[in-house]
PDB file of all heavy atoms in Angstrom:
ATOM      1  N   THR A   1       2.369  10.983  -1.136  1.00  0.00           N
ATOM      2  CA  THR A   1       1.874  12.312  -0.783  1.00  0.00           C
ATOM      3  C   THR A   1       0.579  12.561  -1.556  1.00  0.00           C
ATOM      4  O   THR A   1       0.565  12.510  -2.793  1.00  0.00           O
ATOM      5  CB  THR A   1       2.901  13.397  -1.143  1.00  0.00           C
ATOM      6  OG1 THR A   1       4.141  13.099  -0.490  1.00  0.00           O
ATOM      7  CG2 THR A   1       2.404  14.769  -0.697  1.00  0.00           C
ATOM      8  N   ASP A   2      -0.524  12.805  -0.831  1.00  0.00           N
ATOM      9  CA  ASP A   2      -1.806  13.001  -1.509  1.00  0.00           C
ATOM     10  C   ASP A   2      -1.987  14.470  -1.912  1.00  0.00           C
ATOM     11  O   ASP A   2      -1.095  15.312  -1.717  1.00  0.00           O
ATOM     12  CB  ASP A   2      -2.974  12.510  -0.656  1.00  0.00           C
ATOM     13  CG  ASP A   2      -3.133  13.288   0.650  1.00  0.00           C
ATOM     14  OD1 ASP A   2      -2.594  14.411   0.749  1.00  0.00           O
ATOM     15  OD2 ASP A   2      -3.811  12.783   1.563  1.00  0.00           O
ATOM     16  N   HIS A   3      -3.164  14.780  -2.472  1.00  0.00           N
ATOM     17  CA  HIS A   3      -3.401  16.131  -2.986  1.00  0.00           C
ATOM     18  C   HIS A   3      -3.485  17.180  -1.881  1.00  0.00           C
ATOM     19  O   HIS A   3      -3.432  18.377  -2.148  1.00  0.00           O
ATOM     20  CB  HIS A   3      -4.693  16.159  -3.820  1.00  0.00           C
ATOM     21  CG  HIS A   3      -5.911  15.751  -3.059  1.00  0.00           C
ATOM     22  ND1 HIS A   3      -6.228  14.428  -2.813  1.00  0.00           N
ATOM     23  CD2 HIS A   3      -6.896  16.495  -2.477  1.00  0.00           C
ATOM     24  CE1 HIS A   3      -7.361  14.370  -2.117  1.00  0.00           C
ATOM     25  NE2 HIS A   3      -7.779  15.593  -1.893  1.00  0.00           N
ATOM     26  N   ASN A   4      -3.622  16.719  -0.628  1.00  0.00           N
ATOM     27  CA  ASN A   4      -3.633  17.648   0.510  1.00  0.00           C
ATOM     28  C   ASN A   4      -2.271  17.729   1.196  1.00  0.00           C
ATOM     29  O   ASN A   4      -2.167  18.245   2.315  1.00  0.00           O
ATOM     30  CB  ASN A   4      -4.694  17.223   1.525  1.00  0.00           C
ATOM     31  CG  ASN A   4      -6.102  17.368   0.979  1.00  0.00           C
ATOM     32  OD1 ASN A   4      -6.408  18.347   0.295  1.00  0.00           O
ATOM     33  ND2 ASN A   4      -6.964  16.407   1.284  1.00  0.00           N
ATOM     34  N   ASP A   5      -1.253  17.168   0.529  1.00  0.00           N
ATOM     35  CA  ASP A   5       0.120  17.144   1.055  1.00  0.00           C
ATOM     36  C   ASP A   5       0.244  16.292   2.318  1.00  0.00           C
ATOM     37  O   ASP A   5       1.180  16.477   3.102  1.00  0.00           O
ATOM     38  CB  ASP A   5       0.632  18.567   1.340  1.00  0.00           C
ATOM     39  CG  ASP A   5       0.892  19.345   0.058  1.00  0.00           C
ATOM     40  OD1 ASP A   5       1.195  18.697  -0.965  1.00  0.00           O
ATOM     41  OD2 ASP A   5       0.782  20.588   0.085  1.00  0.00           O
ATOM     42  N   ASN A   6      -0.691  15.365   2.524  1.00  0.00           N
ATOM     43  CA  ASN A   6      -0.563  14.391   3.610  1.00  0.00           C
ATOM     44  C   ASN A   6       0.290  13.222   3.124  1.00  0.00           C
ATOM     45  O   ASN A   6       0.204  12.814   1.964  1.00  0.00           O
ATOM     46  CB  ASN A   6      -1.945  13.883   4.038  1.00  0.00           C
ATOM     47  CG  ASN A   6      -2.817  14.982   4.599  1.00  0.00           C
ATOM     48  OD1 ASN A   6      -2.361  15.800   5.396  1.00  0.00           O
ATOM     49  ND2 ASN A   6      -4.077  15.020   4.187  1.00  0.00           N
ATOM     50  N   THR A   7       1.124  12.675   4.003  1.00  0.00           N
ATOM     51  CA  THR A   7       1.984  11.552   3.621  1.00  0.00           C
ATOM     52  C   THR A   7       1.508  10.274   4.304  1.00  0.00           C
ATOM     53  O   THR A   7       1.137  10.278   5.475  1.00  0.00           O
ATOM     54  CB  THR A   7       3.449  11.823   3.999  1.00  0.00           C
ATOM     55  OG1 THR A   7       3.545  12.075   5.411  1.00  0.00           O
ATOM     56  CG2 THR A   7       3.980  13.013   3.230  1.00  0.00           C
ATOM     57  N   ILE A   8       1.516   9.209   3.541  1.00  0.00           N
ATOM     58  CA  ILE A   8       1.133   7.887   4.036  1.00  0.00           C
ATOM     59  C   ILE A   8       2.310   6.958   3.814  1.00  0.00           C
ATOM     60  O   ILE A   8       2.806   6.817   2.687  1.00  0.00           O
ATOM     61  CB  ILE A   8      -0.111   7.358   3.289  1.00  0.00           C
ATOM     62  CG1 ILE A   8      -1.277   8.338   3.431  1.00  0.00           C
ATOM     63  CG2 ILE A   8      -0.499   5.981   3.804  1.00  0.00           C
ATOM     64  CD1 ILE A   8      -2.452   8.011   2.531  1.00  0.00           C
ATOM     65  N   THR A   9       2.760   6.301   4.873  1.00  0.00           N
ATOM     66  CA  THR A   9       3.882   5.369   4.781  1.00  0.00           C
ATOM     67  C   THR A   9       3.375   3.951   4.966  1.00  0.00           C
ATOM     68  O   THR A   9       2.557   3.683   5.847  1.00  0.00           O
ATOM     69  CB  THR A   9       4.953   5.681   5.830  1.00  0.00           C
ATOM     70  OG1 THR A   9       5.415   7.029   5.644  1.00  0.00           O
ATOM     71  CG2 THR A   9       6.140   4.740   5.698  1.00  0.00           C
ATOM     72  N   ASP A  10       3.858   3.059   4.118  1.00  0.00           N
ATOM     73  CA  ASP A  10       3.349   1.696   4.080  1.00  0.00           C
ATOM     74  C   ASP A  10       4.484   0.727   3.765  1.00  0.00           C
ATOM     75  O   ASP A  10       5.466   1.101   3.112  1.00  0.00           O
ATOM     76  CB  ASP A  10       2.308   1.602   2.955  1.00  0.00           C
ATOM     77  CG  ASP A  10       1.048   0.889   3.394  1.00  0.00           C
ATOM     78  OD1 ASP A  10       1.032   0.337   4.503  1.00  0.00           O
ATOM     79  OD2 ASP A  10       0.083   0.894   2.615  1.00  0.00           O
ATOM     80  N   THR A  11       4.343  -0.528   4.195  1.00  0.00           N
ATOM     81  CA  THR A  11       5.236  -1.597   3.769  1.00  0.00           C
ATOM     82  C   THR A  11       4.452  -2.522   2.856  1.00  0.00           C
ATOM     83  O   THR A  11       3.344  -2.940   3.194  1.00  0.00           O
ATOM     84  CB  THR A  11       5.781  -2.384   4.974  1.00  0.00           C
ATOM     85  OG1 THR A  11       6.576  -1.513   5.781  1.00  0.00           O
ATOM     86  CG2 THR A  11       6.634  -3.550   4.520  1.00  0.00           C
ATOM     87  N   CYS A  12       5.020  -2.821   1.683  1.00  0.00           N
ATOM     88  CA  CYS A  12       4.291  -3.569   0.663  1.00  0.00           C
ATOM     89  C   CYS A  12       5.126  -4.737   0.131  1.00  0.00           C
ATOM     90  O   CYS A  12       6.348  -4.738   0.215  1.00  0.00           O
ATOM     91  CB  CYS A  12       3.906  -2.670  -0.506  1.00  0.00           C
ATOM     92  SG  CYS A  12       2.893  -1.239  -0.063  1.00  0.00           S
ATOM     93  N   LEU A  13       4.415  -5.697  -0.446  1.00  0.00           N
ATOM     94  CA  LEU A  13       5.033  -6.837  -1.118  1.00  0.00           C
ATOM     95  C   LEU A  13       4.574  -6.829  -2.569  1.00  0.00           C
ATOM     96  O   LEU A  13       3.381  -6.704  -2.850  1.00  0.00           O
ATOM     97  CB  LEU A  13       4.596  -8.150  -0.447  1.00  0.00           C
ATOM     98  CG  LEU A  13       4.910  -9.443  -1.200  1.00  0.00           C
ATOM     99  CD1 LEU A  13       6.423  -9.691  -1.237  1.00  0.00           C
ATOM    100  CD2 LEU A  13       4.194 -10.626  -0.563  1.00  0.00           C
ATOM    101  N   SER A  14       5.527  -6.961  -3.487  1.00  0.00           N
ATOM    102  CA  SER A  14       5.166  -7.103  -4.897  1.00  0.00           C
ATOM    103  C   SER A  14       5.771  -8.381  -5.448  1.00  0.00           C
ATOM    104  O   SER A  14       6.841  -8.824  -5.017  1.00  0.00           O
ATOM    105  CB  SER A  14       5.633  -5.903  -5.723  1.00  0.00           C
ATOM    106  OG  SER A  14       7.037  -5.929  -5.891  1.00  0.00           O
ATOM    107  N   LEU A  15       5.057  -8.981  -6.386  1.00  0.00           N
ATOM    108  CA  LEU A  15       5.526 -10.157  -7.101  1.00  0.00           C
ATOM    109  C   LEU A  15       5.597  -9.783  -8.572  1.00  0.00           C
ATOM    110  O   LEU A  15       4.578  -9.442  -9.175  1.00  0.00           O
ATOM    111  CB  LEU A  15       4.567 -11.337  -6.883  1.00  0.00           C
ATOM    112  CG  LEU A  15       4.337 -11.742  -5.415  1.00  0.00           C
ATOM    113  CD1 LEU A  15       3.310 -12.869  -5.319  1.00  0.00           C
ATOM    114  CD2 LEU A  15       5.645 -12.172  -4.753  1.00  0.00           C
ATOM    115  N   ASP A  16       6.812  -9.830  -9.131  1.00  0.00           N
ATOM    116  CA  ASP A  16       7.022  -9.381 -10.508  1.00  0.00           C
ATOM    117  C   ASP A  16       6.509  -7.963 -10.717  1.00  0.00           C
ATOM    118  O   ASP A  16       5.861  -7.668 -11.725  1.00  0.00           O
ATOM    119  CB  ASP A  16       6.352 -10.332 -11.500  1.00  0.00           C
ATOM    120  CG  ASP A  16       7.092 -11.660 -11.608  1.00  0.00           C
ATOM    121  OD1 ASP A  16       8.293 -11.692 -11.295  1.00  0.00           O
ATOM    122  OD2 ASP A  16       6.473 -12.654 -12.008  1.00  0.00           O
ATOM    123  N   THR A  17       6.734  -7.099  -9.760  1.00  0.00           N
ATOM    124  CA  THR A  17       6.340  -5.678  -9.730  1.00  0.00           C
ATOM    125  C   THR A  17       4.830  -5.475  -9.648  1.00  0.00           C
ATOM    126  O   THR A  17       4.359  -4.335  -9.676  1.00  0.00           O
ATOM    127  CB  THR A  17       6.897  -4.864 -10.925  1.00  0.00           C
ATOM    128  OG1 THR A  17       6.187  -5.196 -12.123  1.00  0.00           O
ATOM    129  CG2 THR A  17       8.385  -5.106 -11.116  1.00  0.00           C
ATOM    130  N   ALA A  18       4.036  -6.543  -9.556  1.00  0.00           N
ATOM    131  CA  ALA A  18       2.588  -6.403  -9.320  1.00  0.00           C
ATOM    132  C   ALA A  18       2.365  -6.417  -7.813  1.00  0.00           C
ATOM    133  O   ALA A  18       2.737  -7.377  -7.136  1.00  0.00           O
ATOM    134  CB  ALA A  18       1.814  -7.535  -9.987  1.00  0.00           C
ATOM    135  N   VAL A  19       1.791  -5.355  -7.270  1.00  0.00           N
ATOM    136  CA  VAL A  19       1.623  -5.265  -5.822  1.00  0.00           C
ATOM    137  C   VAL A  19       0.701  -6.383  -5.343  1.00  0.00           C
ATOM    138  O   VAL A  19      -0.369  -6.624  -5.899  1.00  0.00           O
ATOM    139  CB  VAL A  19       1.085  -3.868  -5.416  1.00  0.00           C
ATOM    140  CG1 VAL A  19      -0.289  -3.601  -6.013  1.00  0.00           C
ATOM    141  CG2 VAL A  19       1.048  -3.733  -3.902  1.00  0.00           C
ATOM    142  N   GLN A  20       1.144  -7.091  -4.324  1.00  0.00           N
ATOM    143  CA  GLN A  20       0.386  -8.213  -3.781  1.00  0.00           C
ATOM    144  C   GLN A  20      -0.337  -7.830  -2.499  1.00  0.00           C
ATOM    145  O   GLN A  20      -1.473  -8.224  -2.278  1.00  0.00           O
ATOM    146  CB  GLN A  20       1.325  -9.401  -3.518  1.00  0.00           C
ATOM    147  CG  GLN A  20       0.633 -10.682  -3.081  1.00  0.00           C
ATOM    148  CD  GLN A  20      -0.150 -11.351  -4.198  1.00  0.00           C
ATOM    149  OE1 GLN A  20      -0.154 -10.873  -5.327  1.00  0.00           O
ATOM    150  NE2 GLN A  20      -0.816 -12.441  -3.893  1.00  0.00           N
ATOM    151  N   LEU A  21       0.329  -7.057  -1.654  1.00  0.00           N
ATOM    152  CA  LEU A  21      -0.316  -6.583  -0.435  1.00  0.00           C
ATOM    153  C   LEU A  21       0.466  -5.410   0.136  1.00  0.00           C
ATOM    154  O   LEU A  21       1.652  -5.254  -0.102  1.00  0.00           O
ATOM    155  CB  LEU A  21      -0.431  -7.704   0.608  1.00  0.00           C
ATOM    156  CG  LEU A  21       0.860  -8.356   1.145  1.00  0.00           C
ATOM    157  CD1 LEU A  21       1.447  -7.571   2.322  1.00  0.00           C
ATOM    158  CD2 LEU A  21       0.581  -9.781   1.590  1.00  0.00           C
ATOM    159  N   CYS A  22      -0.250  -4.575   0.884  1.00  0.00           N
ATOM    160  CA  CYS A  22       0.342  -3.499   1.679  1.00  0.00           C
ATOM    161  C   CYS A  22      -0.294  -3.549   3.057  1.00  0.00           C
ATOM    162  O   CYS A  22      -1.471  -3.939   3.199  1.00  0.00           O
ATOM    163  CB  CYS A  22       0.101  -2.129   1.043  1.00  0.00           C
ATOM    164  SG  CYS A  22       1.009  -1.838  -0.497  1.00  0.00           S
ATOM    165  N   ASP A  23       0.464  -3.150   4.057  1.00  0.00           N
ATOM    166  CA  ASP A  23      -0.041  -3.220   5.430  1.00  0.00           C
ATOM    167  C   ASP A  23      -1.361  -2.478   5.601  1.00  0.00           C
ATOM    168  O   ASP A  23      -2.229  -2.906   6.363  1.00  0.00           O
ATOM    169  CB  ASP A  23       0.994  -2.632   6.406  1.00  0.00           C
ATOM    170  CG  ASP A  23       2.179  -3.560   6.616  1.00  0.00           C
ATOM    171  OD1 ASP A  23       2.041  -4.772   6.347  1.00  0.00           O
ATOM    172  OD2 ASP A  23       3.241  -3.079   7.041  1.00  0.00           O
ATOM    173  N   SER A  24      -1.538  -1.383   4.868  1.00  0.00           N
ATOM    174  CA  SER A  24      -2.709  -0.534   5.077  1.00  0.00           C
ATOM    175  C   SER A  24      -4.008  -1.165   4.582  1.00  0.00           C
ATOM    176  O   SER A  24      -5.089  -0.778   5.027  1.00  0.00           O
ATOM    177  CB  SER A  24      -2.506   0.830   4.392  1.00  0.00           C
ATOM    178  OG  SER A  24      -2.303   0.659   3.001  1.00  0.00           O
ATOM    179  N   TRP A  25      -3.913  -2.148   3.663  1.00  0.00           N
ATOM    180  CA  TRP A  25      -5.157  -2.724   3.145  1.00  0.00           C
ATOM    181  C   TRP A  25      -5.170  -4.251   3.085  1.00  0.00           C
ATOM    182  O   TRP A  25      -6.068  -4.857   2.495  1.00  0.00           O
ATOM    183  CB  TRP A  25      -5.499  -2.154   1.761  1.00  0.00           C
ATOM    184  CG  TRP A  25      -4.404  -2.170   0.736  1.00  0.00           C
ATOM    185  CD1 TRP A  25      -3.606  -1.121   0.388  1.00  0.00           C
ATOM    186  CD2 TRP A  25      -3.992  -3.272  -0.092  1.00  0.00           C
ATOM    187  NE1 TRP A  25      -2.729  -1.498  -0.603  1.00  0.00           N
ATOM    188  CE2 TRP A  25      -2.946  -2.805  -0.931  1.00  0.00           C
ATOM    189  CE3 TRP A  25      -4.407  -4.594  -0.218  1.00  0.00           C
ATOM    190  CZ2 TRP A  25      -2.308  -3.633  -1.849  1.00  0.00           C
ATOM    191  CZ3 TRP A  25      -3.779  -5.417  -1.148  1.00  0.00           C
ATOM    192  CH2 TRP A  25      -2.736  -4.937  -1.944  1.00  0.00           C
ATOM    193  N   VAL A  26      -4.198  -4.887   3.733  1.00  0.00           N
ATOM    194  CA  VAL A  26      -4.144  -6.350   3.666  1.00  0.00           C
ATOM    195  C   VAL A  26      -5.394  -6.991   4.270  1.00  0.00           C
ATOM    196  O   VAL A  26      -5.916  -7.986   3.748  1.00  0.00           O
ATOM    197  CB  VAL A  26      -2.856  -6.880   4.347  1.00  0.00           C
ATOM    198  CG1 VAL A  26      -2.818  -6.520   5.824  1.00  0.00           C
ATOM    199  CG2 VAL A  26      -2.735  -8.379   4.149  1.00  0.00           C
ATOM    200  N   ASP A  27      -5.925  -6.422   5.345  1.00  0.00           N
ATOM    201  CA  ASP A  27      -7.118  -7.000   5.968  1.00  0.00           C
ATOM    202  C   ASP A  27      -8.361  -6.796   5.113  1.00  0.00           C
ATOM    203  O   ASP A  27      -9.145  -7.733   4.902  1.00  0.00           O
ATOM    204  CB  ASP A  27      -7.334  -6.386   7.365  1.00  0.00           C
ATOM    205  CG  ASP A  27      -6.306  -6.876   8.373  1.00  0.00           C
ATOM    206  OD1 ASP A  27      -5.888  -8.042   8.274  1.00  0.00           O
ATOM    207  OD2 ASP A  27      -5.908  -6.089   9.250  1.00  0.00           O
ATOM    208  N   SER A  28      -8.557  -5.593   4.616  1.00  0.00           N
ATOM    209  CA  SER A  28      -9.753  -5.326   3.816  1.00  0.00           C
ATOM    210  C   SER A  28      -9.732  -6.132   2.521  1.00  0.00           C
ATOM    211  O   SER A  28     -10.779  -6.596   2.049  1.00  0.00           O
ATOM    212  CB  SER A  28      -9.877  -3.831   3.514  1.00  0.00           C
ATOM    213  OG  SER A  28      -8.726  -3.343   2.854  1.00  0.00           O
ATOM    214  N   TYR A  29      -8.550  -6.326   1.950  1.00  0.00           N
ATOM    215  CA  TYR A  29      -8.441  -7.138   0.735  1.00  0.00           C
ATOM    216  C   TYR A  29      -8.914  -8.568   0.986  1.00  0.00           C
ATOM    217  O   TYR A  29      -9.700  -9.136   0.213  1.00  0.00           O
ATOM    218  CB  TYR A  29      -6.999  -7.141   0.226  1.00  0.00           C
ATOM    219  CG  TYR A  29      -6.751  -8.152  -0.876  1.00  0.00           C
ATOM    220  CD1 TYR A  29      -7.119  -7.876  -2.189  1.00  0.00           C
ATOM    221  CD2 TYR A  29      -6.166  -9.387  -0.598  1.00  0.00           C
ATOM    222  CE1 TYR A  29      -6.911  -8.808  -3.203  1.00  0.00           C
ATOM    223  CE2 TYR A  29      -5.954 -10.323  -1.599  1.00  0.00           C
ATOM    224  CZ  TYR A  29      -6.324 -10.033  -2.890  1.00  0.00           C
ATOM    225  OH  TYR A  29      -6.125 -10.964  -3.885  1.00  0.00           O
ATOM    226  N   HIS A  30      -8.449  -9.159   2.074  1.00  0.00           N
ATOM    227  CA  HIS A  30      -8.811 -10.553   2.351  1.00  0.00           C
ATOM    228  C   HIS A  30     -10.233 -10.682   2.888  1.00  0.00           C
ATOM    229  O   HIS A  30     -10.848 -11.742   2.732  1.00  0.00           O
ATOM    230  CB  HIS A  30      -7.783 -11.175   3.300  1.00  0.00           C
ATOM    231  CG  HIS A  30      -6.452 -11.421   2.631  1.00  0.00           C
ATOM    232  ND1 HIS A  30      -5.425 -10.507   2.681  1.00  0.00           N
ATOM    233  CD2 HIS A  30      -6.019 -12.454   1.868  1.00  0.00           C
ATOM    234  CE1 HIS A  30      -4.400 -10.981   1.986  1.00  0.00           C
ATOM    235  NE2 HIS A  30      -4.728 -12.144   1.482  1.00  0.00           N
TER     236      HIS A  30
END
């Protein structure tokens, strides 16, 4: 929930609790 009370839902992968990727930015990251 952001500061404007908008909600963003995502599916993410973490390795040892370090986030590796999320659907919302996997393309821009690579």
